[in-house]
Amino acid sequence: MPIYRLLQNVPLGPDEIKRLTDAYEHTLSVLSVKDRDDLLAELIAKKIIEIGQTGLKDPAQISARAIEVIGLP
C-alpha cells in the first residue's frame, strides 16, 4: 500500500500516522479505488501526506481537501 511505504520516510508519531491512513482509506473508498497499486492510489497517498503536514487534523477534512486538490469528483 503506497501510504505505508511513503510514511516510512516521514518523522510522524503513531497518532499522526493513524490520522493520515484513515484519511487515505476514506479517500480511496469515496473514489472507489480498489487497486492499491494503482498510480492514482499513490497520488492520493502523496497528497494526503502533504495536506496532513499543513496542520489539518481531521481525516475527513484531509480526505475532502485531497479530492479537491487532485481535481476529482
N, C-alpha and C. Protein backbone atom coordinates (compact mmCIF):
# COMPACT_ATOMS: atom_id res chain seq x y z
N MET A 1 0.85 -1.18 0.00
CA MET A 1 0.00 0.00 0.00
C MET A 1 0.89 1.24 0.00
N PRO A 2 0.68 2.14 -0.93
CA PRO A 2 1.57 3.29 -1.10
C PRO A 2 1.74 4.17 0.14
N ILE A 3 0.69 4.40 0.90
CA ILE A 3 0.83 5.34 2.01
C ILE A 3 1.78 4.81 3.08
N TYR A 4 1.74 3.52 3.35
CA TYR A 4 2.63 2.97 4.37
C TYR A 4 4.08 3.08 3.95
N ARG A 5 4.34 2.83 2.67
CA ARG A 5 5.71 2.95 2.15
C ARG A 5 6.19 4.39 2.24
N LEU A 6 5.33 5.33 1.90
CA LEU A 6 5.71 6.74 1.94
C LEU A 6 5.86 7.26 3.36
N LEU A 7 5.06 6.76 4.27
CA LEU A 7 5.14 7.23 5.66
C LEU A 7 6.40 6.75 6.38
N GLN A 8 7.06 5.75 5.84
CA GLN A 8 8.31 5.26 6.45
C GLN A 8 9.39 6.33 6.42
N ASN A 9 9.28 7.27 5.48
CA ASN A 9 10.29 8.31 5.32
C ASN A 9 9.91 9.64 5.97
N VAL A 10 8.80 9.65 6.69
CA VAL A 10 8.31 10.89 7.30
C VAL A 10 8.31 10.71 8.81
N PRO A 11 8.95 11.64 9.54
CA PRO A 11 9.01 11.51 11.00
C PRO A 11 7.69 11.91 11.66
N LEU A 12 6.79 10.93 11.83
CA LEU A 12 5.49 11.18 12.44
C LEU A 12 5.25 10.20 13.57
N GLY A 13 4.43 10.63 14.52
CA GLY A 13 4.05 9.76 15.61
C GLY A 13 2.90 8.85 15.22
N PRO A 14 2.57 7.89 16.08
CA PRO A 14 1.51 6.93 15.78
C PRO A 14 0.15 7.58 15.54
N ASP A 15 -0.17 8.63 16.31
CA ASP A 15 -1.47 9.30 16.13
C ASP A 15 -1.55 9.97 14.76
N GLU A 16 -0.47 10.59 14.35
CA GLU A 16 -0.45 11.26 13.05
C GLU A 16 -0.54 10.24 11.91
N ILE A 17 0.16 9.14 12.06
CA ILE A 17 0.11 8.09 11.05
C ILE A 17 -1.30 7.52 10.95
N LYS A 18 -1.94 7.30 12.07
CA LYS A 18 -3.33 6.78 12.06
C LYS A 18 -4.25 7.77 11.38
N ARG A 19 -4.10 9.03 11.68
CA ARG A 19 -4.94 10.07 11.07
C ARG A 19 -4.77 10.08 9.54
N LEU A 20 -3.55 9.99 9.08
CA LEU A 20 -3.28 10.02 7.64
C LEU A 20 -3.75 8.74 6.95
N THR A 21 -3.55 7.59 7.58
CA THR A 21 -4.01 6.35 6.96
C THR A 21 -5.53 6.29 6.94
N ASP A 22 -6.18 6.83 7.97
CA ASP A 22 -7.65 6.91 7.96
C ASP A 22 -8.13 7.80 6.82
N ALA A 23 -7.47 8.94 6.63
CA ALA A 23 -7.84 9.85 5.54
C ALA A 23 -7.61 9.18 4.19
N TYR A 24 -6.52 8.45 4.07
CA TYR A 24 -6.19 7.73 2.83
C TYR A 24 -7.25 6.68 2.51
N GLU A 25 -7.57 5.86 3.49
CA GLU A 25 -8.57 4.80 3.28
C GLU A 25 -9.93 5.41 2.94
N HIS A 26 -10.28 6.49 3.62
CA HIS A 26 -11.55 7.17 3.33
C HIS A 26 -11.57 7.69 1.89
N THR A 27 -10.49 8.30 1.47
CA THR A 27 -10.41 8.85 0.11
C THR A 27 -10.52 7.75 -0.93
N LEU A 28 -9.82 6.66 -0.73
CA LEU A 28 -9.90 5.54 -1.67
C LEU A 28 -11.33 5.01 -1.74
N SER A 29 -11.98 4.94 -0.61
CA SER A 29 -13.36 4.45 -0.56
C SER A 29 -14.30 5.39 -1.32
N VAL A 30 -14.19 6.69 -1.05
CA VAL A 30 -15.05 7.68 -1.71
C VAL A 30 -14.85 7.63 -3.22
N LEU A 31 -13.62 7.46 -3.66
CA LEU A 31 -13.32 7.46 -5.09
C LEU A 31 -13.41 6.07 -5.72
N SER A 32 -13.78 5.07 -4.93
CA SER A 32 -13.91 3.68 -5.39
C SER A 32 -12.63 3.15 -6.03
N VAL A 33 -11.50 3.51 -5.43
CA VAL A 33 -10.20 2.99 -5.89
C VAL A 33 -9.94 1.72 -5.10
N LYS A 34 -9.93 0.60 -5.81
CA LYS A 34 -9.75 -0.69 -5.14
C LYS A 34 -8.32 -1.22 -5.25
N ASP A 35 -7.65 -0.90 -6.34
CA ASP A 35 -6.29 -1.37 -6.57
C ASP A 35 -5.30 -0.45 -5.88
N ARG A 36 -4.73 -0.92 -4.78
CA ARG A 36 -3.79 -0.10 -4.01
C ARG A 36 -2.47 0.11 -4.74
N ASP A 37 -2.23 -0.65 -5.80
CA ASP A 37 -1.01 -0.48 -6.59
C ASP A 37 -1.22 0.47 -7.76
N ASP A 38 -2.42 0.98 -7.91
CA ASP A 38 -2.75 1.92 -8.98
C ASP A 38 -1.99 3.23 -8.77
N LEU A 39 -1.60 3.88 -9.85
CA LEU A 39 -0.90 5.16 -9.73
C LEU A 39 -1.76 6.21 -9.05
N LEU A 40 -3.07 6.14 -9.22
CA LEU A 40 -3.96 7.08 -8.55
C LEU A 40 -3.88 6.90 -7.03
N ALA A 41 -3.77 5.67 -6.57
CA ALA A 41 -3.64 5.42 -5.13
C ALA A 41 -2.36 6.05 -4.59
N GLU A 42 -1.30 6.00 -5.37
CA GLU A 42 -0.04 6.62 -4.92
C GLU A 42 -0.15 8.14 -4.92
N LEU A 43 -0.79 8.70 -5.93
CA LEU A 43 -1.01 10.15 -5.97
C LEU A 43 -1.84 10.60 -4.77
N ILE A 44 -2.87 9.84 -4.45
CA ILE A 44 -3.71 10.15 -3.30
C ILE A 44 -2.88 10.10 -2.02
N ALA A 45 -2.07 9.08 -1.87
CA ALA A 45 -1.23 8.95 -0.68
C ALA A 45 -0.31 10.16 -0.51
N LYS A 46 0.32 10.58 -1.61
CA LYS A 46 1.22 11.73 -1.54
C LYS A 46 0.47 13.00 -1.15
N LYS A 47 -0.71 13.20 -1.71
CA LYS A 47 -1.50 14.40 -1.38
C LYS A 47 -1.98 14.36 0.06
N ILE A 48 -2.39 13.20 0.53
CA ILE A 48 -2.84 13.05 1.92
C ILE A 48 -1.71 13.44 2.87
N ILE A 49 -0.51 12.95 2.62
CA ILE A 49 0.63 13.28 3.48
C ILE A 49 0.94 14.77 3.40
N GLU A 50 0.95 15.31 2.20
CA GLU A 50 1.23 16.73 2.01
C GLU A 50 0.21 17.60 2.76
N ILE A 51 -1.05 17.27 2.63
CA ILE A 51 -2.10 18.05 3.28
C ILE A 51 -2.05 17.85 4.79
N GLY A 52 -1.76 16.63 5.22
CA GLY A 52 -1.66 16.36 6.66
C GLY A 52 -0.56 17.14 7.33
N GLN A 53 0.46 17.49 6.58
CA GLN A 53 1.58 18.25 7.14
C GLN A 53 1.29 19.75 7.21
N THR A 54 0.14 20.18 6.71
CA THR A 54 -0.21 21.60 6.79
C THR A 54 -0.87 21.95 8.11
N GLY A 55 -1.15 20.94 8.93
CA GLY A 55 -1.76 21.20 10.22
C GLY A 55 -3.21 20.77 10.31
N LEU A 56 -3.81 20.41 9.20
CA LEU A 56 -5.19 19.91 9.20
C LEU A 56 -5.20 18.57 9.93
N LYS A 57 -6.12 18.40 10.87
CA LYS A 57 -6.09 17.22 11.73
C LYS A 57 -7.19 16.20 11.46
N ASP A 58 -8.35 16.63 11.00
CA ASP A 58 -9.49 15.74 10.82
C ASP A 58 -9.34 14.91 9.55
N PRO A 59 -9.35 13.56 9.66
CA PRO A 59 -9.17 12.73 8.48
C PRO A 59 -10.19 13.01 7.37
N ALA A 60 -11.44 13.28 7.73
CA ALA A 60 -12.46 13.56 6.71
C ALA A 60 -12.14 14.86 5.97
N GLN A 61 -11.64 15.86 6.69
CA GLN A 61 -11.27 17.12 6.06
C GLN A 61 -10.03 16.96 5.19
N ILE A 62 -9.07 16.17 5.66
CA ILE A 62 -7.88 15.89 4.87
C ILE A 62 -8.28 15.19 3.57
N SER A 63 -9.17 14.22 3.69
CA SER A 63 -9.65 13.48 2.53
C SER A 63 -10.35 14.41 1.54
N ALA A 64 -11.27 15.23 2.04
CA ALA A 64 -12.01 16.16 1.18
C ALA A 64 -11.07 17.12 0.47
N ARG A 65 -10.08 17.60 1.19
CA ARG A 65 -9.11 18.54 0.60
C ARG A 65 -8.28 17.84 -0.48
N ALA A 66 -7.88 16.60 -0.23
CA ALA A 66 -7.09 15.85 -1.21
C ALA A 66 -7.89 15.64 -2.50
N ILE A 67 -9.16 15.28 -2.37
CA ILE A 67 -10.02 15.10 -3.54
C ILE A 67 -10.14 16.40 -4.30
N GLU A 68 -10.30 17.50 -3.58
CA GLU A 68 -10.43 18.81 -4.20
C GLU A 68 -9.13 19.19 -4.94
N VAL A 69 -8.00 19.01 -4.29
CA VAL A 69 -6.70 19.39 -4.88
C VAL A 69 -6.39 18.53 -6.12
N ILE A 70 -6.68 17.26 -6.04
CA ILE A 70 -6.42 16.38 -7.17
C ILE A 70 -7.38 16.68 -8.32
N GLY A 71 -8.54 17.22 -7.99
CA GLY A 71 -9.50 17.61 -9.03
C GLY A 71 -10.43 16.49 -9.44
N LEU A 72 -10.72 15.61 -8.51
CA LEU A 72 -11.63 14.50 -8.80
C LEU A 72 -12.99 14.79 -8.17
N PRO A 73 -14.05 14.20 -8.74
CA PRO A 73 -15.40 14.46 -8.20
C PRO A 73 -15.61 13.92 -6.81
